[in-house]
Amino acid sequence: TTSGAVVIRSTNGGAAGLSGSLFFSTGTSKDSNSGSVYIGTGAATAGRAGAVVVNVGSGTSGAGGGVLVNAGRSTLNTGGAVRISSGQGTATTSGAVVIRSLNSGTKG
Protein backbone atom coordinates (compact mmCIF):
# COMPACT_ATOMS: atom_id res chain seq x y z
CA THR A 1 0.00 0.00 0.00
CA THR A 2 0.97 3.63 -0.27
CA SER A 3 1.98 5.65 2.76
CA GLY A 4 0.43 9.04 3.34
CA ALA A 5 1.81 12.39 2.24
CA VAL A 6 3.06 15.14 4.54
CA VAL A 7 2.29 18.66 3.32
CA ILE A 8 3.85 21.72 4.98
CA ARG A 9 2.88 25.06 3.51
CA SER A 10 2.03 28.60 4.41
CA THR A 11 -1.35 30.01 3.60
CA ASN A 12 -2.06 32.15 0.56
CA GLY A 13 -1.53 35.88 0.76
CA GLY A 14 -4.48 38.26 0.63
CA ALA A 15 -5.35 40.51 -2.31
CA ALA A 16 -2.29 42.74 -1.79
CA GLY A 17 -0.32 40.64 0.68
CA LEU A 18 2.49 38.13 0.60
CA SER A 19 2.19 34.47 1.40
CA GLY A 20 4.13 33.31 4.43
CA SER A 21 7.68 31.95 4.46
CA LEU A 22 8.89 28.54 5.59
CA PHE A 23 12.07 28.13 7.61
CA PHE A 24 13.78 24.82 8.36
CA SER A 25 16.77 25.27 10.60
CA THR A 26 18.77 23.63 13.35
CA GLY A 27 19.77 25.42 16.50
CA THR A 28 23.16 26.98 17.11
CA SER A 29 25.89 25.39 19.18
CA LYS A 30 28.47 27.17 21.31
CA ASP A 31 31.04 24.45 22.04
CA SER A 32 30.32 21.72 19.48
CA ASN A 33 28.82 21.10 16.04
CA SER A 34 25.34 22.29 15.15
CA GLY A 35 22.82 19.83 13.75
CA SER A 36 22.17 19.01 10.10
CA VAL A 37 19.05 19.30 7.96
CA TYR A 38 18.33 16.27 5.80
CA ILE A 39 15.81 16.17 2.98
CA GLY A 40 15.54 12.89 1.16
CA THR A 41 13.42 10.09 -0.14
CA GLY A 42 13.38 6.47 0.86
CA ALA A 43 14.96 3.68 -1.14
CA ALA A 44 12.87 1.49 -3.42
CA THR A 45 13.73 -2.21 -3.61
CA ALA A 46 11.46 -3.12 -6.53
CA GLY A 47 10.78 0.19 -8.22
CA ARG A 48 12.06 3.68 -8.84
CA ALA A 49 13.21 5.78 -5.88
CA GLY A 50 11.45 9.09 -5.30
CA ALA A 51 12.87 12.43 -6.40
CA VAL A 52 13.77 15.53 -4.44
CA VAL A 53 12.38 18.56 -6.26
CA VAL A 54 13.15 22.20 -5.49
CA ASN A 55 10.71 24.34 -7.41
CA VAL A 56 10.55 28.14 -7.36
CA GLY A 57 7.44 30.06 -8.29
CA SER A 58 7.03 32.21 -11.38
CA GLY A 59 6.45 35.95 -11.40
CA THR A 60 3.99 37.63 -13.74
CA SER A 61 4.92 41.29 -13.28
CA GLY A 62 8.12 40.79 -11.29
CA ALA A 63 11.08 38.48 -11.69
CA GLY A 64 10.75 34.77 -11.00
CA GLY A 65 12.17 33.52 -7.73
CA GLY A 66 15.77 32.35 -7.57
CA VAL A 67 17.53 29.31 -6.16
CA LEU A 68 20.47 30.03 -3.88
CA VAL A 69 22.79 27.39 -2.46
CA ASN A 70 25.43 28.58 -0.02
CA ALA A 71 28.01 26.51 1.78
CA GLY A 72 28.99 27.57 5.28
CA ARG A 73 31.92 29.85 5.98
CA SER A 74 34.59 29.33 8.60
CA THR A 75 36.77 31.90 10.33
CA LEU A 76 39.35 29.33 11.53
CA ASN A 77 39.09 26.49 9.03
CA THR A 78 38.06 25.63 5.46
CA GLY A 79 34.67 26.81 4.26
CA GLY A 80 32.02 24.29 3.35
CA ALA A 81 31.86 22.66 -0.08
CA VAL A 82 28.99 22.54 -2.57
CA ARG A 83 28.73 19.10 -4.17
CA ILE A 84 26.37 18.07 -6.93
CA SER A 85 26.65 14.40 -7.88
CA SER A 86 24.72 12.18 -10.22
CA GLY A 87 23.50 8.78 -9.10
CA GLN A 88 25.65 5.73 -9.60
CA GLY A 89 24.41 3.09 -12.02
CA THR A 90 25.88 -0.22 -10.89
CA ALA A 91 24.50 -2.16 -13.86
CA THR A 92 24.63 0.62 -16.48
CA THR A 93 25.76 4.24 -16.69
CA SER A 94 25.51 6.85 -13.97
CA GLY A 95 23.01 9.69 -14.15
CA ALA A 96 23.72 12.97 -15.92
CA VAL A 97 24.53 16.33 -14.33
CA VAL A 98 22.88 19.11 -16.35
CA ILE A 99 23.19 22.81 -15.57
CA ARG A 100 21.64 25.16 -18.09
CA SER A 101 20.23 28.60 -18.59
CA LEU A 102 17.03 28.87 -20.62
CA ASN A 103 16.60 31.15 -23.60
CA SER A 104 15.74 34.78 -22.92
CA GLY A 105 12.48 36.42 -23.91
CA THR A 106 11.99 38.99 -26.66
CA LYS A 107 13.46 41.80 -24.51
CA GLY A 108 16.41 39.77 -23.19
C-alpha atoms as a PDB file:
ATOM      1  CA  THR A   1       0.000   0.000   0.000  1.00  0.00           C
ATOM      2  CA  THR A   2       0.974   3.631  -0.268  1.00  0.00           C
ATOM      3  CA  SER A   3       1.981   5.651   2.765  1.00  0.00           C
ATOM      4  CA  GLY A   4       0.434   9.044   3.344  1.00  0.00           C
ATOM      5  CA  ALA A   5       1.808  12.393   2.243  1.00  0.00           C
ATOM      6  CA  VAL A   6       3.059  15.142   4.537  1.00  0.00           C
ATOM      7  CA  VAL A   7       2.294  18.662   3.320  1.00  0.00           C
ATOM      8  CA  ILE A   8       3.849  21.717   4.978  1.00  0.00           C
ATOM      9  CA  ARG A   9       2.877  25.058   3.508  1.00  0.00           C
ATOM     10  CA  SER A  10       2.030  28.600   4.405  1.00  0.00           C
ATOM     11  CA  THR A  11      -1.355  30.014   3.596  1.00  0.00           C
ATOM     12  CA  ASN A  12      -2.061  32.145   0.556  1.00  0.00           C
ATOM     13  CA  GLY A  13      -1.533  35.885   0.758  1.00  0.00           C
ATOM     14  CA  GLY A  14      -4.482  38.260   0.627  1.00  0.00           C
ATOM     15  CA  ALA A  15      -5.346  40.507  -2.315  1.00  0.00           C
ATOM     16  CA  ALA A  16      -2.294  42.736  -1.786  1.00  0.00           C
ATOM     17  CA  GLY A  17      -0.315  40.645   0.684  1.00  0.00           C
ATOM     18  CA  LEU A  18       2.488  38.128   0.599  1.00  0.00           C
ATOM     19  CA  SER A  19       2.185  34.473   1.401  1.00  0.00           C
ATOM     20  CA  GLY A  20       4.133  33.313   4.430  1.00  0.00           C
ATOM     21  CA  SER A  21       7.682  31.953   4.459  1.00  0.00           C
ATOM     22  CA  LEU A  22       8.894  28.536   5.592  1.00  0.00           C
ATOM     23  CA  PHE A  23      12.066  28.127   7.606  1.00  0.00           C
ATOM     24  CA  PHE A  24      13.784  24.823   8.357  1.00  0.00           C
ATOM     25  CA  SER A  25      16.770  25.266  10.602  1.00  0.00           C
ATOM     26  CA  THR A  26      18.771  23.634  13.347  1.00  0.00           C
ATOM     27  CA  GLY A  27      19.772  25.420  16.497  1.00  0.00           C
ATOM     28  CA  THR A  28      23.158  26.984  17.112  1.00  0.00           C
ATOM     29  CA  SER A  29      25.891  25.388  19.175  1.00  0.00           C
ATOM     30  CA  LYS A  30      28.472  27.167  21.308  1.00  0.00           C
ATOM     31  CA  ASP A  31      31.043  24.447  22.041  1.00  0.00           C
ATOM     32  CA  SER A  32      30.320  21.718  19.482  1.00  0.00           C
ATOM     33  CA  ASN A  33      28.817  21.101  16.041  1.00  0.00           C
ATOM     34  CA  SER A  34      25.342  22.285  15.152  1.00  0.00           C
ATOM     35  CA  GLY A  35      22.823  19.829  13.747  1.00  0.00           C
ATOM     36  CA  SER A  36      22.171  19.006  10.100  1.00  0.00           C
ATOM     37  CA  VAL A  37      19.047  19.298   7.961  1.00  0.00           C
ATOM     38  CA  TYR A  38      18.327  16.266   5.801  1.00  0.00           C
ATOM     39  CA  ILE A  39      15.810  16.175   2.982  1.00  0.00           C
ATOM     40  CA  GLY A  40      15.540  12.892   1.156  1.00  0.00           C
ATOM     41  CA  THR A  41      13.419  10.089  -0.141  1.00  0.00           C
ATOM     42  CA  GLY A  42      13.382   6.467   0.864  1.00  0.00           C
ATOM     43  CA  ALA A  43      14.962   3.677  -1.136  1.00  0.00           C
ATOM     44  CA  ALA A  44      12.868   1.486  -3.423  1.00  0.00           C
ATOM     45  CA  THR A  45      13.735  -2.208  -3.611  1.00  0.00           C
ATOM     46  CA  ALA A  46      11.456  -3.121  -6.527  1.00  0.00           C
ATOM     47  CA  GLY A  47      10.778   0.190  -8.221  1.00  0.00           C
ATOM     48  CA  ARG A  48      12.063   3.684  -8.845  1.00  0.00           C
ATOM     49  CA  ALA A  49      13.212   5.783  -5.885  1.00  0.00           C
ATOM     50  CA  GLY A  50      11.454   9.086  -5.303  1.00  0.00           C
ATOM     51  CA  ALA A  51      12.868  12.429  -6.401  1.00  0.00           C
ATOM     52  CA  VAL A  52      13.773  15.534  -4.440  1.00  0.00           C
ATOM     53  CA  VAL A  53      12.379  18.561  -6.263  1.00  0.00           C
ATOM     54  CA  VAL A  54      13.151  22.197  -5.491  1.00  0.00           C
ATOM     55  CA  ASN A  55      10.709  24.337  -7.407  1.00  0.00           C
ATOM     56  CA  VAL A  56      10.551  28.136  -7.362  1.00  0.00           C
ATOM     57  CA  GLY A  57       7.436  30.064  -8.293  1.00  0.00           C
ATOM     58  CA  SER A  58       7.029  32.208 -11.384  1.00  0.00           C
ATOM     59  CA  GLY A  59       6.450  35.951 -11.397  1.00  0.00           C
ATOM     60  CA  THR A  60       3.989  37.628 -13.743  1.00  0.00           C
ATOM     61  CA  SER A  61       4.925  41.288 -13.277  1.00  0.00           C
ATOM     62  CA  GLY A  62       8.116  40.792 -11.286  1.00  0.00           C
ATOM     63  CA  ALA A  63      11.077  38.476 -11.686  1.00  0.00           C
ATOM     64  CA  GLY A  64      10.752  34.774 -11.000  1.00  0.00           C
ATOM     65  CA  GLY A  65      12.170  33.516  -7.729  1.00  0.00           C
ATOM     66  CA  GLY A  66      15.772  32.355  -7.569  1.00  0.00           C
ATOM     67  CA  VAL A  67      17.529  29.309  -6.162  1.00  0.00           C
ATOM     68  CA  LEU A  68      20.469  30.031  -3.881  1.00  0.00           C
ATOM     69  CA  VAL A  69      22.785  27.386  -2.455  1.00  0.00           C
ATOM     70  CA  ASN A  70      25.429  28.583  -0.016  1.00  0.00           C
ATOM     71  CA  ALA A  71      28.009  26.514   1.777  1.00  0.00           C
ATOM     72  CA  GLY A  72      28.993  27.568   5.278  1.00  0.00           C
ATOM     73  CA  ARG A  73      31.924  29.852   5.985  1.00  0.00           C
ATOM     74  CA  SER A  74      34.590  29.328   8.600  1.00  0.00           C
ATOM     75  CA  THR A  75      36.768  31.900  10.328  1.00  0.00           C
ATOM     76  CA  LEU A  76      39.346  29.331  11.529  1.00  0.00           C
ATOM     77  CA  ASN A  77      39.086  26.486   9.032  1.00  0.00           C
ATOM     78  CA  THR A  78      38.062  25.627   5.460  1.00  0.00           C
ATOM     79  CA  GLY A  79      34.675  26.807   4.263  1.00  0.00           C
ATOM     80  CA  GLY A  80      32.017  24.287   3.354  1.00  0.00           C
ATOM     81  CA  ALA A  81      31.857  22.664  -0.076  1.00  0.00           C
ATOM     82  CA  VAL A  82      28.988  22.541  -2.573  1.00  0.00           C
ATOM     83  CA  ARG A  83      28.728  19.105  -4.170  1.00  0.00           C
ATOM     84  CA  ILE A  84      26.369  18.066  -6.935  1.00  0.00           C
ATOM     85  CA  SER A  85      26.648  14.402  -7.878  1.00  0.00           C
ATOM     86  CA  SER A  86      24.722  12.179 -10.215  1.00  0.00           C
ATOM     87  CA  GLY A  87      23.501   8.784  -9.100  1.00  0.00           C
ATOM     88  CA  GLN A  88      25.652   5.726  -9.596  1.00  0.00           C
ATOM     89  CA  GLY A  89      24.413   3.093 -12.021  1.00  0.00           C
ATOM     90  CA  THR A  90      25.881  -0.216 -10.891  1.00  0.00           C
ATOM     91  CA  ALA A  91      24.499  -2.163 -13.862  1.00  0.00           C
ATOM     92  CA  THR A  92      24.634   0.620 -16.483  1.00  0.00           C
ATOM     93  CA  THR A  93      25.755   4.238 -16.694  1.00  0.00           C
ATOM     94  CA  SER A  94      25.510   6.853 -13.969  1.00  0.00           C
ATOM     95  CA  GLY A  95      23.005   9.691 -14.152  1.00  0.00           C
ATOM     96  CA  ALA A  96      23.721  12.973 -15.920  1.00  0.00           C
ATOM     97  CA  VAL A  97      24.534  16.330 -14.327  1.00  0.00           C
ATOM     98  CA  VAL A  98      22.880  19.107 -16.347  1.00  0.00           C
ATOM     99  CA  ILE A  99      23.186  22.811 -15.565  1.00  0.00           C
ATOM    100  CA  ARG A 100      21.644  25.157 -18.093  1.00  0.00           C
ATOM    101  CA  SER A 101      20.231  28.598 -18.587  1.00  0.00           C
ATOM    102  CA  LEU A 102      17.032  28.866 -20.623  1.00  0.00           C
ATOM    103  CA  ASN A 103      16.596  31.150 -23.595  1.00  0.00           C
ATOM    104  CA  SER A 104      15.738  34.775 -22.920  1.00  0.00           C
ATOM    105  CA  GLY A 105      12.483  36.424 -23.913  1.00  0.00           C
ATOM    106  CA  THR A 106      11.988  38.990 -26.658  1.00  0.00           C
ATOM    107  CA  LYS A 107      13.463  41.798 -24.514  1.00  0.00           C
ATOM    108  CA  GLY A 108      16.412  39.774 -23.190  1.00  0.00           C
END
